Amino acid sequence: VGNALHKNPDPDNIPCFRVVDSKGKLAGGFAFG
C-alpha cells in the first residue's frame, strides 16, 4: 500500500494523504510536495 501510494498517478482523485500508519503517524516524506 505504501509503495503504491508513493507512486499515486492521480492524487486529485486518489486521496492518499488520508492514509496514516497504525498509530496515526503521517508519512515521513509525503510523495506530493
All heavy atoms as atom14 arrays in JSON, in Angstrom:
{
  "sequence": "VGNALHKNPDPDNIPCFRVVDSKGKLAGGFAFG",
  "atom14_mask": [
    [1, 1, 1, 1, 1, 1, 1, 0, 0, 0, 0, 0, 0, 0],
    [1, 1, 1, 1, 0, 0, 0, 0, 0, 0, 0, 0, 0, 0],
    [1, 1, 1, 1, 1, 1, 1, 1, 0, 0, 0, 0, 0, 0],
    [1, 1, 1, 1, 1, 0, 0, 0, 0, 0, 0, 0, 0, 0],
    [1, 1, 1, 1, 1, 1, 1, 1, 0, 0, 0, 0, 0, 0],
    [1, 1, 1, 1, 1, 1, 1, 1, 1, 1, 0, 0, 0, 0],
    [1, 1, 1, 1, 1, 1, 1, 1, 1, 0, 0, 0, 0, 0],
    [1, 1, 1, 1, 1, 1, 1, 1, 0, 0, 0, 0, 0, 0],
    [1, 1, 1, 1, 1, 1, 1, 0, 0, 0, 0, 0, 0, 0],
    [1, 1, 1, 1, 1, 1, 1, 1, 0, 0, 0, 0, 0, 0],
    [1, 1, 1, 1, 1, 1, 1, 0, 0, 0, 0, 0, 0, 0],
    [1, 1, 1, 1, 1, 1, 1, 1, 0, 0, 0, 0, 0, 0],
    [1, 1, 1, 1, 1, 1, 1, 1, 0, 0, 0, 0, 0, 0],
    [1, 1, 1, 1, 1, 1, 1, 1, 0, 0, 0, 0, 0, 0],
    [1, 1, 1, 1, 1, 1, 1, 0, 0, 0, 0, 0, 0, 0],
    [1, 1, 1, 1, 1, 1, 0, 0, 0, 0, 0, 0, 0, 0],
    [1, 1, 1, 1, 1, 1, 1, 1, 1, 1, 1, 0, 0, 0],
    [1, 1, 1, 1, 1, 1, 1, 1, 1, 1, 1, 0, 0, 0],
    [1, 1, 1, 1, 1, 1, 1, 0, 0, 0, 0, 0, 0, 0],
    [1, 1, 1, 1, 1, 1, 1, 0, 0, 0, 0, 0, 0, 0],
    [1, 1, 1, 1, 1, 1, 1, 1, 0, 0, 0, 0, 0, 0],
    [1, 1, 1, 1, 1, 1, 0, 0, 0, 0, 0, 0, 0, 0],
    [1, 1, 1, 1, 1, 1, 1, 1, 1, 0, 0, 0, 0, 0],
    [1, 1, 1, 1, 0, 0, 0, 0, 0, 0, 0, 0, 0, 0],
    [1, 1, 1, 1, 1, 1, 1, 1, 1, 0, 0, 0, 0, 0],
    [1, 1, 1, 1, 1, 1, 1, 1, 0, 0, 0, 0, 0, 0],
    [1, 1, 1, 1, 1, 0, 0, 0, 0, 0, 0, 0, 0, 0],
    [1, 1, 1, 1, 0, 0, 0, 0, 0, 0, 0, 0, 0, 0],
    [1, 1, 1, 1, 0, 0, 0, 0, 0, 0, 0, 0, 0, 0],
    [1, 1, 1, 1, 1, 1, 1, 1, 1, 1, 1, 0, 0, 0],
    [1, 1, 1, 1, 1, 0, 0, 0, 0, 0, 0, 0, 0, 0],
    [1, 1, 1, 1, 1, 1, 1, 1, 1, 1, 1, 0, 0, 0],
    [1, 1, 1, 1, 0, 0, 0, 0, 0, 0, 0, 0, 0, 0]
  ],
  "atom14_positions": [
    [[0.85, -1.2, 0.0], [0.0, 0.0, 0.0], [0.87, 1.24, 0.0], [0.67, 2.18, -0.79], [-0.94, 0.0, 1.22], [-1.67, 1.35, 1.32], [-1.95, -1.13, 1.12], [0.0, 0.0, 0.0], [0.0, 0.0, 0.0], [0.0, 0.0, 0.0], [0.0, 0.0, 0.0], [0.0, 0.0, 0.0], [0.0, 0.0, 0.0], [0.0, 0.0, 0.0]],
    [[1.89, 1.26, 0.87], [2.78, 2.4, 0.92], [3.49, 2.64, -0.4], [3.58, 3.78, -0.88], [0.0, 0.0, 0.0], [0.0, 0.0, 0.0], [0.0, 0.0, 0.0], [0.0, 0.0, 0.0], [0.0, 0.0, 0.0], [0.0, 0.0, 0.0], [0.0, 0.0, 0.0], [0.0, 0.0, 0.0], [0.0, 0.0, 0.0], [0.0, 0.0, 0.0]],
    [[3.96, 1.56, -1.02], [4.64, 1.69, -2.31], [3.72, 2.22, -3.39], [4.1, 3.06, -4.2], [5.23, 0.34, -2.73], [6.38, -0.11, -1.84], [7.04, 0.72, -1.21], [6.61, -1.41, -1.78], [0.0, 0.0, 0.0], [0.0, 0.0, 0.0], [0.0, 0.0, 0.0], [0.0, 0.0, 0.0], [0.0, 0.0, 0.0], [0.0, 0.0, 0.0]],
    [[2.47, 1.7, -3.4], [1.52, 2.14, -4.43], [1.17, 3.6, -4.26], [1.09, 4.36, -5.24], [0.26, 1.27, -4.35], [0.0, 0.0, 0.0], [0.0, 0.0, 0.0], [0.0, 0.0, 0.0], [0.0, 0.0, 0.0], [0.0, 0.0, 0.0], [0.0, 0.0, 0.0], [0.0, 0.0, 0.0], [0.0, 0.0, 0.0], [0.0, 0.0, 0.0]],
    [[0.97, 4.03, -3.01], [0.59, 5.42, -2.78], [1.74, 6.37, -3.08], [1.51, 7.51, -3.5], [0.11, 5.6, -1.34], [-1.15, 4.8, -0.97], [-1.61, 5.18, 0.43], [-2.26, 5.02, -1.98], [0.0, 0.0, 0.0], [0.0, 0.0, 0.0], [0.0, 0.0, 0.0], [0.0, 0.0, 0.0], [0.0, 0.0, 0.0], [0.0, 0.0, 0.0]],
    [[2.96, 5.92, -2.91], [4.11, 6.75, -3.25], [4.16, 7.02, -4.75], [4.7, 8.04, -5.19], [5.39, 6.07, -2.8], [6.62, 6.92, -2.98], [6.89, 8.01, -2.18], [7.63, 6.85, -3.88], [8.01, 8.57, -2.58], [8.48, 7.89, -3.61], [0.0, 0.0, 0.0], [0.0, 0.0, 0.0], [0.0, 0.0, 0.0], [0.0, 0.0, 0.0]],
    [[3.55, 6.1, -5.53], [3.53, 6.25, -7.0], [2.16, 6.68, -7.5], [1.85, 6.52, -8.69], [3.92, 4.91, -7.64], [5.32, 4.42, -7.25], [5.58, 3.04, -7.79], [6.94, 2.5, -7.33], [7.19, 1.13, -7.81], [0.0, 0.0, 0.0], [0.0, 0.0, 0.0], [0.0, 0.0, 0.0], [0.0, 0.0, 0.0], [0.0, 0.0, 0.0]],
    [[1.36, 7.23, -6.62], [-0.01, 7.64, -6.94], [-0.06, 8.41, -8.27], [0.5, 9.5, -8.38], [-0.54, 8.52, -5.81], [-2.01, 8.88, -5.98], [-2.59, 8.72, -7.04], [-2.6, 9.4, -4.92], [0.0, 0.0, 0.0], [0.0, 0.0, 0.0], [0.0, 0.0, 0.0], [0.0, 0.0, 0.0], [0.0, 0.0, 0.0], [0.0, 0.0, 0.0]],
    [[-0.75, 7.87, -9.29], [-0.77, 8.53, -10.6], [-1.81, 9.65, -10.7], [-1.81, 10.41, -11.66], [-1.14, 7.38, -11.55], [-2.03, 6.51, -10.71], [-1.46, 6.59, -9.31], [0.0, 0.0, 0.0], [0.0, 0.0, 0.0], [0.0, 0.0, 0.0], [0.0, 0.0, 0.0], [0.0, 0.0, 0.0], [0.0, 0.0, 0.0], [0.0, 0.0, 0.0]],
    [[-2.7, 9.74, -9.71], [-3.8, 10.7, -9.81], [-4.17, 11.22, -8.42], [-5.24, 10.91, -7.89], [-5.01, 10.01, -10.47], [-6.15, 10.96, -10.77], [-5.95, 12.19, -10.65], [-7.25, 10.48, -11.12], [0.0, 0.0, 0.0], [0.0, 0.0, 0.0], [0.0, 0.0, 0.0], [0.0, 0.0, 0.0], [0.0, 0.0, 0.0], [0.0, 0.0, 0.0]],
    [[-3.29, 12.02, -7.81], [-3.54, 12.46, -6.43], [-4.8, 13.3, -6.26], [-5.34, 13.37, -5.16], [-2.28, 13.27, -6.09], [-1.66, 13.62, -7.4], [-1.99, 12.48, -8.32], [0.0, 0.0, 0.0], [0.0, 0.0, 0.0], [0.0, 0.0, 0.0], [0.0, 0.0, 0.0], [0.0, 0.0, 0.0], [0.0, 0.0, 0.0], [0.0, 0.0, 0.0]],
    [[-5.29, 13.9, -7.33], [-6.52, 14.68, -7.22], [-7.74, 13.8, -6.95], [-8.72, 14.25, -6.35], [-6.77, 15.48, -8.51], [-5.79, 16.63, -8.67], [-5.23, 17.08, -7.65], [-5.58, 17.07, -9.81], [0.0, 0.0, 0.0], [0.0, 0.0, 0.0], [0.0, 0.0, 0.0], [0.0, 0.0, 0.0], [0.0, 0.0, 0.0], [0.0, 0.0, 0.0]],
    [[-7.68, 12.55, -7.4], [-8.81, 11.65, -7.24], [-8.52, 10.45, -6.34], [-9.44, 9.71, -5.98], [-9.28, 11.15, -8.62], [-9.84, 12.27, -9.47], [-10.78, 12.95, -9.07], [-9.26, 12.48, -10.64], [0.0, 0.0, 0.0], [0.0, 0.0, 0.0], [0.0, 0.0, 0.0], [0.0, 0.0, 0.0], [0.0, 0.0, 0.0], [0.0, 0.0, 0.0]],
    [[-7.26, 10.23, -6.02], [-6.87, 9.15, -5.11], [-6.24, 9.81, -3.89], [-5.05, 10.13, -3.89], [-5.88, 8.18, -5.77], [-6.45, 7.61, -7.07], [-5.53, 7.03, -4.82], [-5.46, 6.8, -7.9], [0.0, 0.0, 0.0], [0.0, 0.0, 0.0], [0.0, 0.0, 0.0], [0.0, 0.0, 0.0], [0.0, 0.0, 0.0], [0.0, 0.0, 0.0]],
    [[-7.03, 10.07, -2.84], [-6.58, 10.89, -1.72], [-5.65, 10.16, -0.76], [-6.01, 9.84, 0.39], [-7.89, 11.29, -1.04], [-8.78, 10.11, -1.29], [-8.43, 9.63, -2.68], [0.0, 0.0, 0.0], [0.0, 0.0, 0.0], [0.0, 0.0, 0.0], [0.0, 0.0, 0.0], [0.0, 0.0, 0.0], [0.0, 0.0, 0.0], [0.0, 0.0, 0.0]],
    [[-4.43, 9.9, -1.2], [-3.51, 9.12, -0.38], [-3.09, 9.85, 0.89], [-2.6, 9.23, 1.83], [-2.3, 8.7, -1.19], [-1.36, 10.05, -1.9], [0.0, 0.0, 0.0], [0.0, 0.0, 0.0], [0.0, 0.0, 0.0], [0.0, 0.0, 0.0], [0.0, 0.0, 0.0], [0.0, 0.0, 0.0], [0.0, 0.0, 0.0], [0.0, 0.0, 0.0]],
    [[-3.32, 11.16, 0.95], [-2.98, 11.89, 2.17], [-3.86, 11.47, 3.35], [-3.54, 11.75, 4.5], [-3.11, 13.41, 1.94], [-4.51, 13.9, 1.69], [-5.32, 14.3, 2.74], [-5.01, 13.97, 0.4], [-6.61, 14.75, 2.52], [-6.31, 14.42, 0.16], [-7.11, 14.81, 1.22], [0.0, 0.0, 0.0], [0.0, 0.0, 0.0], [0.0, 0.0, 0.0]],
    [[-4.97, 10.76, 3.08], [-5.84, 10.29, 4.14], [-5.39, 8.96, 4.73], [-6.11, 8.36, 5.54], [-7.27, 10.16, 3.61], [-7.91, 11.5, 3.23], [-9.29, 11.31, 2.65], [-9.84, 12.57, 2.15], [-10.78, 12.67, 1.22], [-11.3, 11.58, 0.68], [-11.2, 13.86, 0.81], [0.0, 0.0, 0.0], [0.0, 0.0, 0.0], [0.0, 0.0, 0.0]],
    [[-4.23, 8.46, 4.32], [-3.72, 7.18, 4.82], [-2.58, 7.45, 5.8], [-1.64, 8.19, 5.48], [-3.24, 6.28, 3.67], [-2.77, 4.93, 4.21], [-4.36, 6.08, 2.65], [0.0, 0.0, 0.0], [0.0, 0.0, 0.0], [0.0, 0.0, 0.0], [0.0, 0.0, 0.0], [0.0, 0.0, 0.0], [0.0, 0.0, 0.0], [0.0, 0.0, 0.0]],
    [[-2.67, 6.86, 6.98], [-1.66, 7.03, 8.03], [-1.27, 5.66, 8.58], [-1.9, 4.65, 8.25], [-2.2, 7.92, 9.18], [-2.52, 9.32, 8.66], [-3.43, 7.29, 9.82], [0.0, 0.0, 0.0], [0.0, 0.0, 0.0], [0.0, 0.0, 0.0], [0.0, 0.0, 0.0], [0.0, 0.0, 0.0], [0.0, 0.0, 0.0], [0.0, 0.0, 0.0]],
    [[-0.26, 5.63, 9.44], [0.13, 4.34, 9.99], [-0.77, 3.96, 11.16], [-1.71, 4.69, 11.52], [1.62, 4.29, 10.34], [1.97, 5.03, 11.63], [1.07, 5.51, 12.35], [3.18, 5.13, 11.92], [0.0, 0.0, 0.0], [0.0, 0.0, 0.0], [0.0, 0.0, 0.0], [0.0, 0.0, 0.0], [0.0, 0.0, 0.0], [0.0, 0.0, 0.0]],
    [[-0.49, 2.81, 11.79], [-1.4, 2.27, 12.8], [-1.47, 3.1, 14.06], [-2.35, 2.91, 14.9], [-0.97, 0.84, 13.16], [0.35, 0.84, 13.67], [0.0, 0.0, 0.0], [0.0, 0.0, 0.0], [0.0, 0.0, 0.0], [0.0, 0.0, 0.0], [0.0, 0.0, 0.0], [0.0, 0.0, 0.0], [0.0, 0.0, 0.0], [0.0, 0.0, 0.0]],
    [[-0.55, 4.06, 14.2], [-0.56, 4.95, 15.36], [-0.98, 6.37, 15.0], [-0.88, 7.28, 15.81], [0.83, 4.96, 16.02], [1.23, 3.6, 16.57], [2.61, 3.66, 17.22], [3.0, 2.28, 17.78], [4.34, 2.31, 18.41], [0.0, 0.0, 0.0], [0.0, 0.0, 0.0], [0.0, 0.0, 0.0], [0.0, 0.0, 0.0], [0.0, 0.0, 0.0]],
    [[-1.42, 6.53, 13.78], [-1.87, 7.84, 13.33], [-0.76, 8.74, 12.83], [-0.98, 9.92, 12.55], [0.0, 0.0, 0.0], [0.0, 0.0, 0.0], [0.0, 0.0, 0.0], [0.0, 0.0, 0.0], [0.0, 0.0, 0.0], [0.0, 0.0, 0.0], [0.0, 0.0, 0.0], [0.0, 0.0, 0.0], [0.0, 0.0, 0.0], [0.0, 0.0, 0.0]],
    [[0.43, 8.19, 12.68], [1.58, 8.98, 12.24], [1.53, 9.23, 10.74], [1.16, 8.34, 9.96], [2.88, 8.26, 12.61], [4.13, 9.07, 12.35], [5.37, 8.29, 12.8], [6.64, 9.07, 12.52], [7.84, 8.32, 12.94], [0.0, 0.0, 0.0], [0.0, 0.0, 0.0], [0.0, 0.0, 0.0], [0.0, 0.0, 0.0], [0.0, 0.0, 0.0]],
    [[1.92, 10.43, 10.33], [1.93, 10.78, 8.92], [3.16, 10.21, 8.23], [4.12, 9.78, 8.88], [1.91, 12.31, 8.76], [0.83, 13.08, 9.51], [0.82, 14.53, 9.04], [-0.54, 12.45, 9.36], [0.0, 0.0, 0.0], [0.0, 0.0, 0.0], [0.0, 0.0, 0.0], [0.0, 0.0, 0.0], [0.0, 0.0, 0.0], [0.0, 0.0, 0.0]],
    [[3.12, 10.23, 6.91], [4.26, 9.75, 6.13], [5.45, 10.67, 6.37], [5.3, 11.89, 6.44], [3.91, 9.71, 4.65], [0.0, 0.0, 0.0], [0.0, 0.0, 0.0], [0.0, 0.0, 0.0], [0.0, 0.0, 0.0], [0.0, 0.0, 0.0], [0.0, 0.0, 0.0], [0.0, 0.0, 0.0], [0.0, 0.0, 0.0], [0.0, 0.0, 0.0]],
    [[6.64, 10.1, 6.47], [7.83, 10.88, 6.75], [8.14, 11.91, 5.69], [8.49, 13.05, 5.98], [0.0, 0.0, 0.0], [0.0, 0.0, 0.0], [0.0, 0.0, 0.0], [0.0, 0.0, 0.0], [0.0, 0.0, 0.0], [0.0, 0.0, 0.0], [0.0, 0.0, 0.0], [0.0, 0.0, 0.0], [0.0, 0.0, 0.0], [0.0, 0.0, 0.0]],
    [[8.0, 11.52, 4.45], [8.21, 12.45, 3.34], [7.09, 12.27, 2.34], [7.17, 11.41, 1.46], [0.0, 0.0, 0.0], [0.0, 0.0, 0.0], [0.0, 0.0, 0.0], [0.0, 0.0, 0.0], [0.0, 0.0, 0.0], [0.0, 0.0, 0.0], [0.0, 0.0, 0.0], [0.0, 0.0, 0.0], [0.0, 0.0, 0.0], [0.0, 0.0, 0.0]],
    [[6.04, 13.02, 2.49], [4.85, 12.84, 1.65], [5.23, 12.98, 0.18], [6.01, 13.86, -0.2], [3.78, 13.86, 2.04], [2.45, 13.62, 1.39], [1.75, 12.46, 1.6], [1.9, 14.57, 0.55], [0.53, 12.23, 1.02], [0.66, 14.37, -0.04], [-0.02, 13.19, 0.19], [0.0, 0.0, 0.0], [0.0, 0.0, 0.0], [0.0, 0.0, 0.0]],
    [[4.7, 12.1, -0.65], [5.15, 12.0, -2.04], [4.88, 13.24, -2.87], [5.58, 13.51, -3.83], [4.49, 10.78, -2.69], [0.0, 0.0, 0.0], [0.0, 0.0, 0.0], [0.0, 0.0, 0.0], [0.0, 0.0, 0.0], [0.0, 0.0, 0.0], [0.0, 0.0, 0.0], [0.0, 0.0, 0.0], [0.0, 0.0, 0.0], [0.0, 0.0, 0.0]],
    [[3.88, 14.02, -2.5], [3.48, 15.12, -3.37], [3.7, 16.47, -2.69], [2.79, 17.06, -2.13], [2.02, 14.95, -3.79], [1.78, 13.62, -4.43], [1.22, 12.58, -3.71], [2.17, 13.37, -5.73], [1.03, 11.33, -4.29], [1.99, 12.14, -6.31], [1.42, 11.11, -5.6], [0.0, 0.0, 0.0], [0.0, 0.0, 0.0], [0.0, 0.0, 0.0]],
    [[4.95, 16.94, -2.72], [5.21, 18.29, -2.26], [6.0, 18.42, -0.98], [6.33, 19.54, -0.6], [0.0, 0.0, 0.0], [0.0, 0.0, 0.0], [0.0, 0.0, 0.0], [0.0, 0.0, 0.0], [0.0, 0.0, 0.0], [0.0, 0.0, 0.0], [0.0, 0.0, 0.0], [0.0, 0.0, 0.0], [0.0, 0.0, 0.0], [0.0, 0.0, 0.0]]
  ]
}
